Amino acid sequence: QVQLVESGGGLVQAGGSLRLSCAASGRTFSSYAMGWFRQAPGKEREFVAAISSGRSTYYADSVKGRFTISRDNAKNTVYLQMNSLKPEDTAVYYCAVHWGASYYADYDYDYWGQGTQVTVSS
């Protein structure tokens, strides 16, 4: 069993930055690949970024060059640094543990956090 707790969301103006954190329980955090997804009102949940246990990173085209995913295994925490935020980045952001084959599909993830709201004003 893994528990995930996201934090760091909030209200920011367009062009601003936020850093999301996802703290995980469990002694084997370093062996997990982790991902971030987001869901805007009325839209399906979509992939944002993922990081493997070996620290390879993967990004959605919509955030590439603006967002950076990283992990600190000593703190059992994965981060999402979000720069140059746009109003279309407004969503609830979730972290999750990757178990399957694809980093980009939410059905290949298990153990989801409760989410943290990010709102970007224009």
C-alpha atoms as a PDB file:
ATOM      1  CA  GLN A   1       0.000   0.000   0.000  1.00  0.00           C
ATOM      2  CA  VAL A   2       1.282   3.427  -0.971  1.00  0.00           C
ATOM      3  CA  GLN A   3      -0.191   6.734   0.158  1.00  0.00           C
ATOM      4  CA  LEU A   4       0.439   9.907  -1.810  1.00  0.00           C
ATOM      5  CA  VAL A   5      -0.114  13.476  -0.627  1.00  0.00           C
ATOM      6  CA  GLU A   6       0.154  16.377  -3.066  1.00  0.00           C
ATOM      7  CA  SER A   7       0.793  19.971  -2.045  1.00  0.00           C
ATOM      8  CA  GLY A   8       1.893  23.274  -3.517  1.00  0.00           C
ATOM      9  CA  GLY A   9      -1.091  24.218  -5.598  1.00  0.00           C
ATOM     10  CA  GLY A  10      -2.623  27.673  -5.558  1.00  0.00           C
ATOM     11  CA  LEU A  11      -3.603  30.742  -7.527  1.00  0.00           C
ATOM     12  CA  VAL A  12      -0.988  32.352  -9.751  1.00  0.00           C
ATOM     13  CA  GLN A  13      -1.001  34.880 -12.565  1.00  0.00           C
ATOM     14  CA  ALA A  14      -0.168  33.859 -16.099  1.00  0.00           C
ATOM     15  CA  GLY A  15       3.577  33.711 -16.570  1.00  0.00           C
ATOM     16  CA  GLY A  16       4.144  32.776 -12.951  1.00  0.00           C
ATOM     17  CA  SER A  17       5.533  29.630 -11.376  1.00  0.00           C
ATOM     18  CA  LEU A  18       4.520  26.980  -8.873  1.00  0.00           C
ATOM     19  CA  ARG A  19       6.205  23.888  -7.530  1.00  0.00           C
ATOM     20  CA  LEU A  20       4.045  20.911  -6.684  1.00  0.00           C
ATOM     21  CA  SER A  21       5.195  18.217  -4.296  1.00  0.00           C
ATOM     22  CA  CYS A  22       3.996  14.658  -3.879  1.00  0.00           C
ATOM     23  CA  ALA A  23       5.079  12.876  -0.711  1.00  0.00           C
ATOM     24  CA  ALA A  24       4.863   9.087  -0.780  1.00  0.00           C
ATOM     25  CA  SER A  25       4.781   6.527   1.980  1.00  0.00           C
ATOM     26  CA  GLY A  26       6.627   3.255   1.667  1.00  0.00           C
ATOM     27  CA  ARG A  27      10.198   2.090   1.866  1.00  0.00           C
ATOM     28  CA  THR A  28      10.539   1.224  -1.830  1.00  0.00           C
ATOM     29  CA  PHE A  29       9.783   4.668  -3.278  1.00  0.00           C
ATOM     30  CA  SER A  30      13.072   4.724  -5.172  1.00  0.00           C
ATOM     31  CA  SER A  31      11.995   1.703  -7.213  1.00  0.00           C
ATOM     32  CA  TYR A  32       8.762   3.327  -8.458  1.00  0.00           C
ATOM     33  CA  ALA A  33       8.265   5.379 -11.566  1.00  0.00           C
ATOM     34  CA  MET A  34       6.008   8.331 -10.747  1.00  0.00           C
ATOM     35  CA  GLY A  35       3.724  10.471 -12.816  1.00  0.00           C
ATOM     36  CA  TRP A  36       1.731  13.688 -12.727  1.00  0.00           C
ATOM     37  CA  PHE A  37      -1.673  14.027 -14.365  1.00  0.00           C
ATOM     38  CA  ARG A  38      -4.188  16.836 -14.397  1.00  0.00           C
ATOM     39  CA  GLN A  39      -7.908  17.221 -14.882  1.00  0.00           C
ATOM     40  CA  ALA A  40      -9.635  20.449 -15.810  1.00  0.00           C
ATOM     41  CA  PRO A  41     -13.389  20.941 -15.286  1.00  0.00           C
ATOM     42  CA  GLY A  42     -15.381  19.111 -17.922  1.00  0.00           C
ATOM     43  CA  LYS A  43     -12.299  17.456 -19.386  1.00  0.00           C
ATOM     44  CA  GLU A  44     -10.705  14.049 -19.121  1.00  0.00           C
ATOM     45  CA  ARG A  45      -7.656  13.455 -16.982  1.00  0.00           C
ATOM     46  CA  GLU A  46      -4.501  13.964 -19.019  1.00  0.00           C
ATOM     47  CA  PHE A  47      -0.857  13.037 -18.692  1.00  0.00           C
ATOM     48  CA  VAL A  48       1.544  15.807 -17.691  1.00  0.00           C
ATOM     49  CA  ALA A  49       4.909  14.262 -16.837  1.00  0.00           C
ATOM     50  CA  ALA A  50       6.579  11.116 -15.543  1.00  0.00           C
ATOM     51  CA  ILE A  51       9.933  10.134 -14.096  1.00  0.00           C
ATOM     52  CA  SER A  52      11.346   6.625 -14.022  1.00  0.00           C
ATOM     53  CA  SER A  53      13.236   5.035 -11.171  1.00  0.00           C
ATOM     54  CA  GLY A  54      16.357   5.775 -13.199  1.00  0.00           C
ATOM     55  CA  ARG A  55      15.307   9.442 -13.493  1.00  0.00           C
ATOM     56  CA  SER A  56      14.412   9.359 -17.186  1.00  0.00           C
ATOM     57  CA  THR A  57      11.719  11.961 -17.777  1.00  0.00           C
ATOM     58  CA  TYR A  58       8.706  12.161 -20.071  1.00  0.00           C
ATOM     59  CA  TYR A  59       6.464  15.150 -20.811  1.00  0.00           C
ATOM     60  CA  ALA A  60       3.262  16.005 -22.574  1.00  0.00           C
ATOM     61  CA  ASP A  61       3.881  18.249 -25.560  1.00  0.00           C
ATOM     62  CA  SER A  62       1.748  20.954 -23.962  1.00  0.00           C
ATOM     63  CA  VAL A  63       4.145  21.364 -21.027  1.00  0.00           C
ATOM     64  CA  LYS A  64       7.486  20.483 -22.576  1.00  0.00           C
ATOM     65  CA  GLY A  65      10.031  23.223 -21.942  1.00  0.00           C
ATOM     66  CA  ARG A  66       7.920  24.794 -19.178  1.00  0.00           C
ATOM     67  CA  PHE A  67       7.497  22.023 -16.593  1.00  0.00           C
ATOM     68  CA  THR A  68      10.199  19.906 -14.950  1.00  0.00           C
ATOM     69  CA  ILE A  69       9.632  16.699 -13.014  1.00  0.00           C
ATOM     70  CA  SER A  70      12.193  15.558 -10.467  1.00  0.00           C
ATOM     71  CA  ARG A  71      12.453  13.259  -7.479  1.00  0.00           C
ATOM     72  CA  ASP A  72      14.231  13.140  -4.148  1.00  0.00           C
ATOM     73  CA  ASN A  73      14.362   9.516  -3.042  1.00  0.00           C
ATOM     74  CA  ALA A  74      15.762  10.447   0.368  1.00  0.00           C
ATOM     75  CA  LYS A  75      12.558  12.410   1.010  1.00  0.00           C
ATOM     76  CA  ASN A  76      10.208  10.001  -0.818  1.00  0.00           C
ATOM     77  CA  THR A  77       9.016  12.991  -2.812  1.00  0.00           C
ATOM     78  CA  VAL A  78       8.432  13.804  -6.462  1.00  0.00           C
ATOM     79  CA  TYR A  79       8.197  17.401  -7.644  1.00  0.00           C
ATOM     80  CA  LEU A  80       6.682  19.239 -10.575  1.00  0.00           C
ATOM     81  CA  GLN A  81       8.229  22.635 -11.217  1.00  0.00           C
ATOM     82  CA  MET A  82       5.840  24.635 -13.378  1.00  0.00           C
ATOM     83  CA  ASN A  83       7.091  27.801 -15.058  1.00  0.00           C
ATOM     84  CA  SER A  84       5.526  30.172 -17.587  1.00  0.00           C
ATOM     85  CA  LEU A  85       2.098  29.075 -16.464  1.00  0.00           C
ATOM     86  CA  LYS A  86      -0.865  29.650 -18.767  1.00  0.00           C
ATOM     87  CA  PRO A  87      -4.596  29.844 -17.999  1.00  0.00           C
ATOM     88  CA  GLU A  88      -5.024  26.517 -19.816  1.00  0.00           C
ATOM     89  CA  ASP A  89      -2.814  24.883 -17.145  1.00  0.00           C
ATOM     90  CA  THR A  90      -5.655  25.404 -14.661  1.00  0.00           C
ATOM     91  CA  ALA A  91      -6.645  21.988 -13.308  1.00  0.00           C
ATOM     92  CA  VAL A  92      -6.473  19.645 -10.372  1.00  0.00           C
ATOM     93  CA  TYR A  93      -3.048  17.992 -10.448  1.00  0.00           C
ATOM     94  CA  TYR A  94      -2.589  14.414  -9.286  1.00  0.00           C
ATOM     95  CA  CYS A  95       0.477  12.292  -8.706  1.00  0.00           C
ATOM     96  CA  ALA A  96       0.420   8.534  -9.079  1.00  0.00           C
ATOM     97  CA  VAL A  97       2.618   5.471  -8.933  1.00  0.00           C
ATOM     98  CA  HIS A  98       3.392   3.881 -12.297  1.00  0.00           C
ATOM     99  CA  TRP A  99       2.873   0.115 -12.590  1.00  0.00           C
ATOM    100  CA  GLY A 100       2.168  -0.606 -16.243  1.00  0.00           C
ATOM    101  CA  ALA A 101       3.792  -0.356 -19.625  1.00  0.00           C
ATOM    102  CA  SER A 102       3.005   3.158 -20.821  1.00  0.00           C
ATOM    103  CA  TYR A 103       3.975   6.295 -18.952  1.00  0.00           C
ATOM    104  CA  TYR A 104       1.298   8.267 -20.798  1.00  0.00           C
ATOM    105  CA  ALA A 105      -1.863   6.313 -19.932  1.00  0.00           C
ATOM    106  CA  ASP A 106      -3.603   6.771 -16.598  1.00  0.00           C
ATOM    107  CA  TYR A 107      -4.695   3.111 -16.542  1.00  0.00           C
ATOM    108  CA  ASP A 108      -1.017   2.173 -16.173  1.00  0.00           C
ATOM    109  CA  TYR A 109      -0.899   3.947 -12.810  1.00  0.00           C
ATOM    110  CA  ASP A 110      -2.044   2.908  -9.380  1.00  0.00           C
ATOM    111  CA  TYR A 111      -2.219   4.664  -5.990  1.00  0.00           C
ATOM    112  CA  TRP A 112      -3.379   8.179  -6.718  1.00  0.00           C
ATOM    113  CA  GLY A 113      -3.154  11.186  -4.465  1.00  0.00           C
ATOM    114  CA  GLN A 114      -6.107  13.413  -3.596  1.00  0.00           C
ATOM    115  CA  GLY A 115      -5.013  16.169  -5.961  1.00  0.00           C
ATOM    116  CA  THR A 116      -4.037  19.804  -5.585  1.00  0.00           C
ATOM    117  CA  GLN A 117      -5.754  22.690  -7.361  1.00  0.00           C
ATOM    118  CA  VAL A 118      -3.756  24.948  -9.656  1.00  0.00           C
ATOM    119  CA  THR A 119      -5.485  28.058 -10.944  1.00  0.00           C
ATOM    120  CA  VAL A 120      -3.800  30.389 -13.418  1.00  0.00           C
ATOM    121  CA  SER A 121      -5.427  33.764 -13.944  1.00  0.00           C
ATOM    122  CA  SER A 122      -5.051  35.743 -17.145  1.00  0.00           C
END
